[in-house]
Amino acid sequence: MTGLNEVGFLGLSGGLVAVGLFGVLTRRNFVLVLIAIEVAMNAAVLNFVYFAAFAPTPSAGLAGQSAAVVLVGFAATEVAVGLAIVLALNRAKGTINVAEATELKL
């Protein structure tokens, strides 16, 4: 493979995690918080796929790729549940500001 080496991919992945963590900690909009979580999860997918390419056996590479597919499926369900929460919060409170969601009962 040409292009980035292991250090470059780990740096890229660490940068994505840092951007995701920064987004989760600083944003008040619930949708932007969900996007930040997705960015951090994509860093894990990037690591799984990259290191699966250098696996010593084909079955180990397949395990890394299948873990990445499972993580993408988990991310899709997280988005669906998160958007359902956003819709319920918007319907009940009239806003999607995270600071307004102080009660579990809507």
C-alpha atoms as a PDB file:
ATOM      1  CA  MET A   1       0.000   0.000   0.000  1.00  0.00           C
ATOM      2  CA  THR A   2       1.231   3.467  -0.753  1.00  0.00           C
ATOM      3  CA  GLY A   3       0.317   6.656   1.015  1.00  0.00           C
ATOM      4  CA  LEU A   4       0.050   6.989   4.764  1.00  0.00           C
ATOM      5  CA  ASN A   5       1.954   4.641   7.033  1.00  0.00           C
ATOM      6  CA  GLU A   6       0.810   3.315  10.405  1.00  0.00           C
ATOM      7  CA  VAL A   7       1.791   6.481  12.214  1.00  0.00           C
ATOM      8  CA  GLY A   8      -0.184   8.567   9.718  1.00  0.00           C
ATOM      9  CA  PHE A   9      -3.311   6.449  10.106  1.00  0.00           C
ATOM     10  CA  LEU A  10      -3.034   6.434  13.884  1.00  0.00           C
ATOM     11  CA  GLY A  11      -2.556  10.208  13.808  1.00  0.00           C
ATOM     12  CA  LEU A  12      -5.572  10.614  11.535  1.00  0.00           C
ATOM     13  CA  SER A  13      -7.634   8.351  13.757  1.00  0.00           C
ATOM     14  CA  GLY A  14      -6.501  10.171  16.895  1.00  0.00           C
ATOM     15  CA  GLY A  15      -7.368  13.477  15.255  1.00  0.00           C
ATOM     16  CA  LEU A  16     -10.851  12.213  14.411  1.00  0.00           C
ATOM     17  CA  VAL A  17     -11.369  11.057  17.986  1.00  0.00           C
ATOM     18  CA  ALA A  18     -10.165  14.434  19.275  1.00  0.00           C
ATOM     19  CA  VAL A  19     -12.527  16.321  16.934  1.00  0.00           C
ATOM     20  CA  GLY A  20     -15.399  14.053  17.994  1.00  0.00           C
ATOM     21  CA  LEU A  21     -14.651  14.502  21.683  1.00  0.00           C
ATOM     22  CA  PHE A  22     -14.332  18.263  21.239  1.00  0.00           C
ATOM     23  CA  GLY A  23     -17.699  18.309  19.453  1.00  0.00           C
ATOM     24  CA  VAL A  24     -19.407  16.299  22.171  1.00  0.00           C
ATOM     25  CA  LEU A  25     -18.051  18.496  24.952  1.00  0.00           C
ATOM     26  CA  THR A  26     -18.633  21.905  23.352  1.00  0.00           C
ATOM     27  CA  ARG A  27     -21.827  21.676  21.302  1.00  0.00           C
ATOM     28  CA  ARG A  28     -25.273  22.428  22.672  1.00  0.00           C
ATOM     29  CA  ASN A  29     -27.225  21.289  19.624  1.00  0.00           C
ATOM     30  CA  PHE A  30     -28.190  17.627  19.990  1.00  0.00           C
ATOM     31  CA  VAL A  31     -27.799  16.890  16.269  1.00  0.00           C
ATOM     32  CA  LEU A  32     -24.246  18.251  16.277  1.00  0.00           C
ATOM     33  CA  VAL A  33     -23.449  16.090  19.299  1.00  0.00           C
ATOM     34  CA  LEU A  34     -24.659  13.036  17.350  1.00  0.00           C
ATOM     35  CA  ILE A  35     -22.475  14.024  14.386  1.00  0.00           C
ATOM     36  CA  ALA A  36     -19.472  14.343  16.706  1.00  0.00           C
ATOM     37  CA  ILE A  37     -20.123  10.849  18.076  1.00  0.00           C
ATOM     38  CA  GLU A  38     -20.263   9.544  14.498  1.00  0.00           C
ATOM     39  CA  VAL A  39     -16.892  11.140  13.716  1.00  0.00           C
ATOM     40  CA  ALA A  40     -15.322   9.399  16.724  1.00  0.00           C
ATOM     41  CA  MET A  41     -16.869   6.068  15.723  1.00  0.00           C
ATOM     42  CA  ASN A  42     -15.546   6.465  12.182  1.00  0.00           C
ATOM     43  CA  ALA A  43     -12.054   6.697  13.669  1.00  0.00           C
ATOM     44  CA  ALA A  44     -12.515   3.202  15.099  1.00  0.00           C
ATOM     45  CA  VAL A  45     -13.799   1.921  11.743  1.00  0.00           C
ATOM     46  CA  LEU A  46     -10.750   3.430  10.041  1.00  0.00           C
ATOM     47  CA  ASN A  47      -8.448   1.575  12.437  1.00  0.00           C
ATOM     48  CA  PHE A  48     -10.248  -1.741  11.986  1.00  0.00           C
ATOM     49  CA  VAL A  49     -10.080  -1.561   8.204  1.00  0.00           C
ATOM     50  CA  TYR A  50      -6.502  -0.310   8.038  1.00  0.00           C
ATOM     51  CA  PHE A  51      -5.080  -2.928  10.389  1.00  0.00           C
ATOM     52  CA  ALA A  52      -7.145  -5.688   8.771  1.00  0.00           C
ATOM     53  CA  ALA A  53      -5.140  -5.065   5.597  1.00  0.00           C
ATOM     54  CA  PHE A  54      -1.946  -6.023   7.459  1.00  0.00           C
ATOM     55  CA  ALA A  55      -3.329  -9.023   9.334  1.00  0.00           C
ATOM     56  CA  PRO A  56      -1.046 -12.069   9.443  1.00  0.00           C
ATOM     57  CA  THR A  57      -3.807 -14.455   8.382  1.00  0.00           C
ATOM     58  CA  PRO A  58      -6.822 -13.912   6.111  1.00  0.00           C
ATOM     59  CA  SER A  59      -9.204 -14.876   8.909  1.00  0.00           C
ATOM     60  CA  ALA A  60      -7.768 -12.157  11.147  1.00  0.00           C
ATOM     61  CA  GLY A  61      -8.246  -9.617   8.345  1.00  0.00           C
ATOM     62  CA  LEU A  62     -11.804 -10.789   7.877  1.00  0.00           C
ATOM     63  CA  ALA A  63     -12.432 -10.392  11.607  1.00  0.00           C
ATOM     64  CA  GLY A  64     -11.279  -6.780  11.462  1.00  0.00           C
ATOM     65  CA  GLN A  65     -13.438  -6.021   8.445  1.00  0.00           C
ATOM     66  CA  SER A  66     -16.467  -7.715   9.970  1.00  0.00           C
ATOM     67  CA  ALA A  67     -15.953  -5.726  13.177  1.00  0.00           C
ATOM     68  CA  ALA A  68     -15.941  -2.572  11.052  1.00  0.00           C
ATOM     69  CA  VAL A  69     -19.217  -3.594   9.388  1.00  0.00           C
ATOM     70  CA  VAL A  70     -20.789  -4.278  12.791  1.00  0.00           C
ATOM     71  CA  LEU A  71     -19.611  -0.865  13.994  1.00  0.00           C
ATOM     72  CA  VAL A  72     -21.170   0.821  10.947  1.00  0.00           C
ATOM     73  CA  GLY A  73     -24.447  -0.989  11.689  1.00  0.00           C
ATOM     74  CA  PHE A  74     -24.245   0.121  15.313  1.00  0.00           C
ATOM     75  CA  ALA A  75     -23.673   3.696  14.155  1.00  0.00           C
ATOM     76  CA  ALA A  76     -26.763   3.520  11.953  1.00  0.00           C
ATOM     77  CA  THR A  77     -28.933   2.345  14.847  1.00  0.00           C
ATOM     78  CA  GLU A  78     -27.424   5.023  17.085  1.00  0.00           C
ATOM     79  CA  VAL A  79     -28.436   7.674  14.565  1.00  0.00           C
ATOM     80  CA  ALA A  80     -31.978   6.305  14.342  1.00  0.00           C
ATOM     81  CA  VAL A  81     -32.436   6.280  18.121  1.00  0.00           C
ATOM     82  CA  GLY A  82     -30.754   9.671  18.476  1.00  0.00           C
ATOM     83  CA  LEU A  83     -32.985  11.279  15.881  1.00  0.00           C
ATOM     84  CA  ALA A  84     -36.042   9.782  17.568  1.00  0.00           C
ATOM     85  CA  ILE A  85     -34.893  11.413  20.809  1.00  0.00           C
ATOM     86  CA  VAL A  86     -34.342  14.701  18.956  1.00  0.00           C
ATOM     87  CA  LEU A  87     -37.858  14.589  17.525  1.00  0.00           C
ATOM     88  CA  ALA A  88     -39.376  13.797  20.923  1.00  0.00           C
ATOM     89  CA  LEU A  89     -37.358  16.577  22.567  1.00  0.00           C
ATOM     90  CA  ASN A  90     -38.350  19.066  19.886  1.00  0.00           C
ATOM     91  CA  ARG A  91     -41.997  18.092  20.185  1.00  0.00           C
ATOM     92  CA  ALA A  92     -42.004  18.381  23.982  1.00  0.00           C
ATOM     93  CA  LYS A  93     -39.712  21.357  24.610  1.00  0.00           C
ATOM     94  CA  GLY A  94     -39.719  23.177  21.273  1.00  0.00           C
ATOM     95  CA  THR A  95     -35.920  23.100  21.054  1.00  0.00           C
ATOM     96  CA  ILE A  96     -33.107  20.610  20.456  1.00  0.00           C
ATOM     97  CA  ASN A  97     -30.705  22.303  22.846  1.00  0.00           C
ATOM     98  CA  VAL A  98     -28.927  19.750  25.039  1.00  0.00           C
ATOM     99  CA  ALA A  99     -29.086  22.076  28.065  1.00  0.00           C
ATOM    100  CA  GLU A 100     -32.905  22.047  27.916  1.00  0.00           C
ATOM    101  CA  ALA A 101     -33.021  18.254  28.282  1.00  0.00           C
ATOM    102  CA  THR A 102     -32.773  18.176  32.078  1.00  0.00           C
ATOM    103  CA  GLU A 103     -35.508  15.601  32.742  1.00  0.00           C
ATOM    104  CA  LEU A 104     -35.835  12.026  31.607  1.00  0.00           C
ATOM    105  CA  LYS A 105     -39.581  12.368  31.290  1.00  0.00           C
ATOM    106  CA  LEU A 106     -40.670  14.429  28.300  1.00  0.00           C
END
